Amino acid sequence: MSDHLSKQFDLELENIRTRILQMGGLVERQVLAAVDAFSSGNLDEMQQVIGSDREVDALEVGIDEDCTLLIARRQPTARDLRLVMAISRIVTDLERVGDKASKIARMSQKLHQAGSQRIPRLSDVHHCGRLASDMLQGSLDSLARMDIDAARQVIGADKAIDAAFNAILRQLITYMMEDPRTISEALDIIWIAKAIERVGDHATNIAENVIYIVSGIDIRHSAVAASKTDEA
């Protein structure tokens, strides 16, 4: 590849990288706003989160198209191809995080509009949401800096969200057992908590892709491979 083509390729890659970080910032704000709206009952904030999902979808389509064109025109190899492929996967994860934020907002709307509130807005849900948002921010920071250590910290943090989700589940099961009238509301809150837990999973996926970009090692299924080896 000539110096001119190499510089052009680098510029196109940098443009894609900038836009994916822009998309990441948007979905991070969506998650925070959705979780805050669940706690506050702010209907306007819920609607803003739901409305911004279209912008996330448009960014996903645009970045995916740019990645496809870049591969077709420049035919990248080795680390550059790895970067483009990983970015395509990260874009998918970010779009799904946007979907989860929208789901949290929609379910919060449903709860608020239902009127009678038998279960207090659990502080653990807000705490879990903050953990997920921190993980997402950490994964995006690791992507911006191509920092493997930061990516590993994100992956390690996923256990805290799983523990928080399980604590919420136990609380809600107690409410449902003590008062069957809370069942419908409790189930809606469980869906919200599950959506938050999935945000943590997608942040983990992004961090794993950062490790893949930098090191060339795909760790996504390493735990599965290890368990199979143990069983053998």
C-alpha atoms as a PDB file:
ATOM      1  CA  MET A   1       0.000   0.000   0.000  1.00  0.00           C
ATOM      2  CA  SER A   2       1.435   3.403  -0.990  1.00  0.00           C
ATOM      3  CA  ASP A   3       2.003   6.126   1.605  1.00  0.00           C
ATOM      4  CA  HIS A   4      -0.964   8.069   0.197  1.00  0.00           C
ATOM      5  CA  LEU A   5      -3.317   5.083   0.383  1.00  0.00           C
ATOM      6  CA  SER A   6      -1.989   4.186   3.822  1.00  0.00           C
ATOM      7  CA  LYS A   7      -2.708   7.691   5.135  1.00  0.00           C
ATOM      8  CA  GLN A   8      -6.170   7.656   3.578  1.00  0.00           C
ATOM      9  CA  PHE A   9      -6.879   4.277   5.160  1.00  0.00           C
ATOM     10  CA  ASP A  10      -5.727   5.567   8.566  1.00  0.00           C
ATOM     11  CA  LEU A  11      -8.014   8.604   8.222  1.00  0.00           C
ATOM     12  CA  GLU A  12     -11.006   6.406   7.358  1.00  0.00           C
ATOM     13  CA  LEU A  13     -10.272   4.118  10.298  1.00  0.00           C
ATOM     14  CA  GLU A  14      -9.948   7.072  12.656  1.00  0.00           C
ATOM     15  CA  ASN A  15     -13.265   8.459  11.419  1.00  0.00           C
ATOM     16  CA  ILE A  16     -14.988   5.142  12.149  1.00  0.00           C
ATOM     17  CA  ARG A  17     -13.338   4.986  15.565  1.00  0.00           C
ATOM     18  CA  THR A  18     -14.480   8.517  16.392  1.00  0.00           C
ATOM     19  CA  ARG A  19     -18.053   7.735  15.402  1.00  0.00           C
ATOM     20  CA  ILE A  20     -18.199   4.536  17.428  1.00  0.00           C
ATOM     21  CA  LEU A  21     -17.057   6.473  20.503  1.00  0.00           C
ATOM     22  CA  GLN A  22     -19.750   9.058  19.730  1.00  0.00           C
ATOM     23  CA  MET A  23     -22.300   6.235  19.555  1.00  0.00           C
ATOM     24  CA  GLY A  24     -20.936   4.838  22.815  1.00  0.00           C
ATOM     25  CA  GLY A  25     -21.348   8.190  24.549  1.00  0.00           C
ATOM     26  CA  LEU A  26     -24.952   8.375  23.371  1.00  0.00           C
ATOM     27  CA  VAL A  27     -25.919   4.924  24.654  1.00  0.00           C
ATOM     28  CA  GLU A  28     -24.103   5.585  27.928  1.00  0.00           C
ATOM     29  CA  ARG A  29     -26.264   8.691  28.439  1.00  0.00           C
ATOM     30  CA  GLN A  30     -29.344   6.642  27.490  1.00  0.00           C
ATOM     31  CA  VAL A  31     -28.630   4.066  30.185  1.00  0.00           C
ATOM     32  CA  LEU A  32     -28.025   6.687  32.878  1.00  0.00           C
ATOM     33  CA  ALA A  33     -31.162   8.621  31.919  1.00  0.00           C
ATOM     34  CA  ALA A  34     -33.315   5.471  31.838  1.00  0.00           C
ATOM     35  CA  VAL A  35     -32.144   4.333  35.273  1.00  0.00           C
ATOM     36  CA  ASP A  36     -32.612   7.813  36.766  1.00  0.00           C
ATOM     37  CA  ALA A  37     -36.094   8.049  35.236  1.00  0.00           C
ATOM     38  CA  PHE A  38     -37.043   4.681  36.749  1.00  0.00           C
ATOM     39  CA  SER A  39     -36.183   6.063  40.192  1.00  0.00           C
ATOM     40  CA  SER A  40     -37.686   9.533  39.729  1.00  0.00           C
ATOM     41  CA  GLY A  41     -40.729   8.677  37.606  1.00  0.00           C
ATOM     42  CA  ASN A  42     -39.772  11.434  35.132  1.00  0.00           C
ATOM     43  CA  LEU A  43     -41.965  10.669  32.089  1.00  0.00           C
ATOM     44  CA  ASP A  44     -40.274  13.284  29.868  1.00  0.00           C
ATOM     45  CA  GLU A  45     -36.883  11.700  30.495  1.00  0.00           C
ATOM     46  CA  MET A  46     -38.270   8.254  29.708  1.00  0.00           C
ATOM     47  CA  GLN A  47     -39.664   9.524  26.406  1.00  0.00           C
ATOM     48  CA  GLN A  48     -36.350  11.153  25.482  1.00  0.00           C
ATOM     49  CA  VAL A  49     -34.548   7.845  26.015  1.00  0.00           C
ATOM     50  CA  ILE A  50     -37.055   6.016  23.821  1.00  0.00           C
ATOM     51  CA  GLY A  51     -36.832   8.692  21.113  1.00  0.00           C
ATOM     52  CA  SER A  52     -33.023   8.693  21.000  1.00  0.00           C
ATOM     53  CA  ASP A  53     -33.003   4.990  20.079  1.00  0.00           C
ATOM     54  CA  ARG A  54     -33.534   5.988  16.422  1.00  0.00           C
ATOM     55  CA  GLU A  55     -30.290   7.969  16.484  1.00  0.00           C
ATOM     56  CA  VAL A  56     -28.451   4.918  17.840  1.00  0.00           C
ATOM     57  CA  ASP A  57     -29.936   2.728  15.091  1.00  0.00           C
ATOM     58  CA  ALA A  58     -28.870   5.250  12.423  1.00  0.00           C
ATOM     59  CA  LEU A  59     -25.310   5.318  13.772  1.00  0.00           C
ATOM     60  CA  GLU A  60     -25.175   1.514  13.733  1.00  0.00           C
ATOM     61  CA  VAL A  61     -26.275   1.353  10.091  1.00  0.00           C
ATOM     62  CA  GLY A  62     -23.860   4.106   9.032  1.00  0.00           C
ATOM     63  CA  ILE A  63     -20.813   2.655  10.795  1.00  0.00           C
ATOM     64  CA  ASP A  64     -21.574  -0.848   9.528  1.00  0.00           C
ATOM     65  CA  GLU A  65     -21.768   0.465   5.960  1.00  0.00           C
ATOM     66  CA  ASP A  66     -18.457   2.304   6.381  1.00  0.00           C
ATOM     67  CA  CYS A  67     -16.782  -0.848   7.709  1.00  0.00           C
ATOM     68  CA  THR A  68     -18.061  -2.873   4.733  1.00  0.00           C
ATOM     69  CA  LEU A  69     -16.859  -0.238   2.247  1.00  0.00           C
ATOM     70  CA  LEU A  70     -13.492   0.008   3.976  1.00  0.00           C
ATOM     71  CA  ILE A  71     -12.924  -3.736   3.682  1.00  0.00           C
ATOM     72  CA  ALA A  72     -14.025  -3.746   0.023  1.00  0.00           C
ATOM     73  CA  ARG A  73     -11.880  -0.739  -0.995  1.00  0.00           C
ATOM     74  CA  ARG A  74      -8.759  -1.160   1.132  1.00  0.00           C
ATOM     75  CA  GLN A  75      -8.677  -4.924   1.713  1.00  0.00           C
ATOM     76  CA  PRO A  76      -7.017  -4.573   5.127  1.00  0.00           C
ATOM     77  CA  THR A  77      -4.936  -7.393   6.553  1.00  0.00           C
ATOM     78  CA  ALA A  78      -3.698  -8.564   9.966  1.00  0.00           C
ATOM     79  CA  ARG A  79      -4.260  -6.039  12.790  1.00  0.00           C
ATOM     80  CA  ASP A  80      -6.211  -3.583  10.603  1.00  0.00           C
ATOM     81  CA  LEU A  81      -8.681  -6.259   9.513  1.00  0.00           C
ATOM     82  CA  ARG A  82      -8.970  -7.386  13.130  1.00  0.00           C
ATOM     83  CA  LEU A  83      -9.800  -3.817  14.142  1.00  0.00           C
ATOM     84  CA  VAL A  84     -12.527  -3.415  11.507  1.00  0.00           C
ATOM     85  CA  MET A  85     -14.106  -6.786  12.353  1.00  0.00           C
ATOM     86  CA  ALA A  86     -14.059  -6.037  16.089  1.00  0.00           C
ATOM     87  CA  ILE A  87     -15.547  -2.573  15.529  1.00  0.00           C
ATOM     88  CA  SER A  88     -18.410  -4.171  13.628  1.00  0.00           C
ATOM     89  CA  ARG A  89     -19.107  -6.431  16.624  1.00  0.00           C
ATOM     90  CA  ILE A  90     -18.799  -3.525  19.083  1.00  0.00           C
ATOM     91  CA  VAL A  91     -21.335  -1.515  17.067  1.00  0.00           C
ATOM     92  CA  THR A  92     -23.817  -4.380  17.422  1.00  0.00           C
ATOM     93  CA  ASP A  93     -23.268  -4.495  21.184  1.00  0.00           C
ATOM     94  CA  LEU A  94     -23.775  -0.734  21.489  1.00  0.00           C
ATOM     95  CA  GLU A  95     -27.013  -0.906  19.476  1.00  0.00           C
ATOM     96  CA  ARG A  96     -28.270  -3.610  21.826  1.00  0.00           C
ATOM     97  CA  VAL A  97     -27.353  -1.489  24.844  1.00  0.00           C
ATOM     98  CA  GLY A  98     -29.482   1.266  23.304  1.00  0.00           C
ATOM     99  CA  ASP A  99     -32.328  -1.235  22.971  1.00  0.00           C
ATOM    100  CA  LYS A 100     -31.975  -2.182  26.648  1.00  0.00           C
ATOM    101  CA  ALA A 101     -32.033   1.476  27.731  1.00  0.00           C
ATOM    102  CA  SER A 102     -35.188   1.983  25.660  1.00  0.00           C
ATOM    103  CA  LYS A 103     -36.728  -1.109  27.249  1.00  0.00           C
ATOM    104  CA  ILE A 104     -35.953   0.199  30.755  1.00  0.00           C
ATOM    105  CA  ALA A 105     -37.628   3.499  29.840  1.00  0.00           C
ATOM    106  CA  ARG A 106     -40.708   1.792  28.340  1.00  0.00           C
ATOM    107  CA  MET A 107     -41.154  -0.514  31.336  1.00  0.00           C
ATOM    108  CA  SER A 108     -40.716   2.462  33.686  1.00  0.00           C
ATOM    109  CA  GLN A 109     -43.436   4.297  31.755  1.00  0.00           C
ATOM    110  CA  LYS A 110     -45.740   1.307  32.160  1.00  0.00           C
ATOM    111  CA  LEU A 111     -45.080   1.159  35.915  1.00  0.00           C
ATOM    112  CA  HIS A 112     -45.611   4.889  36.400  1.00  0.00           C
ATOM    113  CA  GLN A 113     -48.789   5.015  34.316  1.00  0.00           C
ATOM    114  CA  ALA A 114     -50.244   1.984  36.123  1.00  0.00           C
ATOM    115  CA  GLY A 115     -50.744   4.230  39.136  1.00  0.00           C
ATOM    116  CA  SER A 116     -50.876   2.276  42.403  1.00  0.00           C
ATOM    117  CA  GLN A 117     -47.339   1.492  43.486  1.00  0.00           C
ATOM    118  CA  ARG A 118     -47.123  -1.369  45.957  1.00  0.00           C
ATOM    119  CA  ILE A 119     -43.353  -1.851  45.730  1.00  0.00           C
ATOM    120  CA  PRO A 120     -41.014   1.046  46.579  1.00  0.00           C
ATOM    121  CA  ARG A 121     -38.596   1.967  43.772  1.00  0.00           C
ATOM    122  CA  LEU A 122     -35.747  -0.277  44.867  1.00  0.00           C
ATOM    123  CA  SER A 123     -32.483   1.576  45.451  1.00  0.00           C
ATOM    124  CA  ASP A 124     -30.705  -1.630  44.415  1.00  0.00           C
ATOM    125  CA  VAL A 125     -32.041  -1.177  40.868  1.00  0.00           C
ATOM    126  CA  HIS A 126     -30.489   2.285  40.681  1.00  0.00           C
ATOM    127  CA  HIS A 127     -27.239   0.914  42.144  1.00  0.00           C
ATOM    128  CA  CYS A 128     -27.195  -1.898  39.583  1.00  0.00           C
ATOM    129  CA  GLY A 129     -27.801   0.648  36.817  1.00  0.00           C
ATOM    130  CA  ARG A 130     -24.849   2.746  37.978  1.00  0.00           C
ATOM    131  CA  LEU A 131     -22.628  -0.340  37.987  1.00  0.00           C
ATOM    132  CA  ALA A 132     -23.692  -1.139  34.419  1.00  0.00           C
ATOM    133  CA  SER A 133     -23.095   2.466  33.318  1.00  0.00           C
ATOM    134  CA  ASP A 134     -19.628   2.435  34.916  1.00  0.00           C
ATOM    135  CA  MET A 135     -18.818  -0.805  33.093  1.00  0.00           C
ATOM    136  CA  LEU A 136     -19.963   0.663  29.793  1.00  0.00           C
ATOM    137  CA  GLN A 137     -17.892   3.809  30.359  1.00  0.00           C
ATOM    138  CA  GLY A 138     -14.888   1.656  31.279  1.00  0.00           C
ATOM    139  CA  SER A 139     -15.229  -0.460  28.141  1.00  0.00           C
ATOM    140  CA  LEU A 140     -15.422   2.667  25.956  1.00  0.00           C
ATOM    141  CA  ASP A 141     -12.402   4.184  27.702  1.00  0.00           C
ATOM    142  CA  SER A 142     -10.452   0.977  27.094  1.00  0.00           C
ATOM    143  CA  LEU A 143     -11.470   1.175  23.420  1.00  0.00           C
ATOM    144  CA  ALA A 144     -10.413   4.822  23.121  1.00  0.00           C
ATOM    145  CA  ARG A 145      -6.990   4.062  24.646  1.00  0.00           C
ATOM    146  CA  MET A 146      -6.682   0.475  23.398  1.00  0.00           C
ATOM    147  CA  ASP A 147      -5.944  -0.435  27.006  1.00  0.00           C
ATOM    148  CA  ILE A 148      -5.991  -4.172  27.775  1.00  0.00           C
ATOM    149  CA  ASP A 149      -5.681  -3.702  31.543  1.00  0.00           C
ATOM    150  CA  ALA A 150      -8.711  -1.390  31.610  1.00  0.00           C
ATOM    151  CA  ALA A 151     -10.633  -3.917  29.494  1.00  0.00           C
ATOM    152  CA  ARG A 152      -9.814  -6.694  31.967  1.00  0.00           C
ATOM    153  CA  GLN A 153     -11.090  -4.546  34.844  1.00  0.00           C
ATOM    154  CA  VAL A 154     -14.417  -4.189  33.022  1.00  0.00           C
ATOM    155  CA  ILE A 155     -14.675  -7.950  32.535  1.00  0.00           C
ATOM    156  CA  GLY A 156     -13.943  -8.521  36.226  1.00  0.00           C
ATOM    157  CA  ALA A 157     -16.660  -6.055  37.262  1.00  0.00           C
ATOM    158  CA  ASP A 158     -19.431  -8.132  35.682  1.00  0.00           C
ATOM    159  CA  LYS A 159     -19.691 -10.321  38.790  1.00  0.00           C
ATOM    160  CA  ALA A 160     -20.822  -7.319  40.858  1.00  0.00           C
ATOM    161  CA  ILE A 161     -23.750  -6.689  38.503  1.00  0.00           C
ATOM    162  CA  ASP A 162     -24.738 -10.357  38.571  1.00  0.00           C
ATOM    163  CA  ALA A 163     -24.712 -10.244  42.385  1.00  0.00           C
ATOM    164  CA  ALA A 164     -26.791  -7.038  42.415  1.00  0.00           C
ATOM    165  CA  PHE A 165     -29.336  -8.563  40.013  1.00  0.00           C
ATOM    166  CA  ASN A 166     -29.655 -11.676  42.177  1.00  0.00           C
ATOM    167  CA  ALA A 167     -30.212  -9.489  45.264  1.00  0.00           C
ATOM    168  CA  ILE A 168     -32.992  -7.601  43.460  1.00  0.00           C
ATOM    169  CA  LEU A 169     -34.553 -10.889  42.393  1.00  0.00           C
ATOM    170  CA  ARG A 170     -34.573 -12.179  45.972  1.00  0.00           C
ATOM    171  CA  GLN A 171     -36.234  -8.981  47.219  1.00  0.00           C
ATOM    172  CA  LEU A 172     -38.931  -9.108  44.570  1.00  0.00           C
ATOM    173  CA  ILE A 173     -39.662 -12.793  45.155  1.00  0.00           C
ATOM    174  CA  THR A 174     -40.203 -11.929  48.822  1.00  0.00           C
ATOM    175  CA  TYR A 175     -42.677  -9.174  47.869  1.00  0.00           C
ATOM    176  CA  MET A 176     -44.573 -11.538  45.556  1.00  0.00           C
ATOM    177  CA  MET A 177     -44.771 -14.301  48.167  1.00  0.00           C
ATOM    178  CA  GLU A 178     -45.982 -11.931  50.892  1.00  0.00           C
ATOM    179  CA  ASP A 179     -48.519 -10.092  48.729  1.00  0.00           C
ATOM    180  CA  PRO A 180     -49.738 -11.633  45.432  1.00  0.00           C
ATOM    181  CA  ARG A 181     -51.053  -8.189  44.396  1.00  0.00           C
ATOM    182  CA  THR A 182     -47.435  -7.134  43.803  1.00  0.00           C
ATOM    183  CA  ILE A 183     -46.744  -9.881  41.235  1.00  0.00           C
ATOM    184  CA  SER A 184     -47.409  -7.842  38.071  1.00  0.00           C
ATOM    185  CA  GLU A 185     -45.375  -4.868  39.292  1.00  0.00           C
ATOM    186  CA  ALA A 186     -42.552  -7.099  40.556  1.00  0.00           C
ATOM    187  CA  LEU A 187     -42.307  -8.873  37.198  1.00  0.00           C
ATOM    188  CA  ASP A 188     -41.974  -5.520  35.403  1.00  0.00           C
ATOM    189  CA  ILE A 189     -39.163  -4.494  37.762  1.00  0.00           C
ATOM    190  CA  ILE A 190     -37.462  -7.853  37.171  1.00  0.00           C
ATOM    191  CA  TRP A 191     -37.498  -7.138  33.407  1.00  0.00           C
ATOM    192  CA  ILE A 192     -35.922  -3.739  34.086  1.00  0.00           C
ATOM    193  CA  ALA A 193     -33.233  -5.265  36.303  1.00  0.00           C
ATOM    194  CA  LYS A 194     -32.555  -7.966  33.704  1.00  0.00           C
ATOM    195  CA  ALA A 195     -32.132  -5.317  30.989  1.00  0.00           C
ATOM    196  CA  ILE A 196     -29.585  -3.549  33.220  1.00  0.00           C
ATOM    197  CA  GLU A 197     -27.743  -6.830  33.809  1.00  0.00           C
ATOM    198  CA  ARG A 198     -27.581  -7.350  30.038  1.00  0.00           C
ATOM    199  CA  VAL A 199     -25.985  -3.894  29.619  1.00  0.00           C
ATOM    200  CA  GLY A 200     -23.149  -5.243  31.774  1.00  0.00           C
ATOM    201  CA  ASP A 201     -22.876  -8.288  29.493  1.00  0.00           C
ATOM    202  CA  HIS A 202     -22.592  -6.076  26.409  1.00  0.00           C
ATOM    203  CA  ALA A 203     -19.952  -3.911  28.127  1.00  0.00           C
ATOM    204  CA  THR A 204     -18.035  -7.127  28.800  1.00  0.00           C
ATOM    205  CA  ASN A 205     -18.301  -8.060  25.107  1.00  0.00           C
ATOM    206  CA  ILE A 206     -16.847  -4.662  24.131  1.00  0.00           C
ATOM    207  CA  ALA A 207     -13.942  -5.118  26.561  1.00  0.00           C
ATOM    208  CA  GLU A 208     -13.277  -8.597  25.163  1.00  0.00           C
ATOM    209  CA  ASN A 209     -13.153  -7.130  21.658  1.00  0.00           C
ATOM    210  CA  VAL A 210     -10.619  -4.514  22.795  1.00  0.00           C
ATOM    211  CA  ILE A 211      -8.383  -7.345  23.995  1.00  0.00           C
ATOM    212  CA  TYR A 212      -8.863  -9.060  20.622  1.00  0.00           C
ATOM    213  CA  ILE A 213      -7.927  -5.895  18.702  1.00  0.00           C
ATOM    214  CA  VAL A 214      -4.750  -5.288  20.698  1.00  0.00           C
ATOM    215  CA  SER A 215      -3.507  -8.823  21.292  1.00  0.00           C
ATOM    216  CA  GLY A 216      -5.138 -10.891  18.558  1.00  0.00           C
ATOM    217  CA  ILE A 217      -6.445 -13.285  21.217  1.00  0.00           C
ATOM    218  CA  ASP A 218     -10.166 -14.039  21.153  1.00  0.00           C
ATOM    219  CA  ILE A 219     -11.168 -14.638  24.792  1.00  0.00           C
ATOM    220  CA  ARG A 220     -14.935 -14.604  24.223  1.00  0.00           C
ATOM    221  CA  HIS A 221     -15.336 -18.344  24.656  1.00  0.00           C
ATOM    222  CA  SER A 222     -12.279 -19.074  26.784  1.00  0.00           C
ATOM    223  CA  ALA A 223     -14.416 -19.955  29.822  1.00  0.00           C
ATOM    224  CA  VAL A 224     -16.447 -22.403  27.728  1.00  0.00           C
ATOM    225  CA  ALA A 225     -13.275 -23.973  26.330  1.00  0.00           C
ATOM    226  CA  ALA A 226     -11.817 -24.268  29.835  1.00  0.00           C
ATOM    227  CA  SER A 227     -14.946 -25.969  31.195  1.00  0.00           C
ATOM    228  CA  LYS A 228     -14.927 -28.465  28.312  1.00  0.00           C
ATOM    229  CA  THR A 229     -11.279 -29.253  29.036  1.00  0.00           C
ATOM    230  CA  ASP A 230     -12.109 -29.801  32.720  1.00  0.00           C
ATOM    231  CA  GLU A 231     -15.010 -32.118  31.811  1.00  0.00           C
ATOM    232  CA  ALA A 232     -12.748 -34.135  29.503  1.00  0.00           C
END
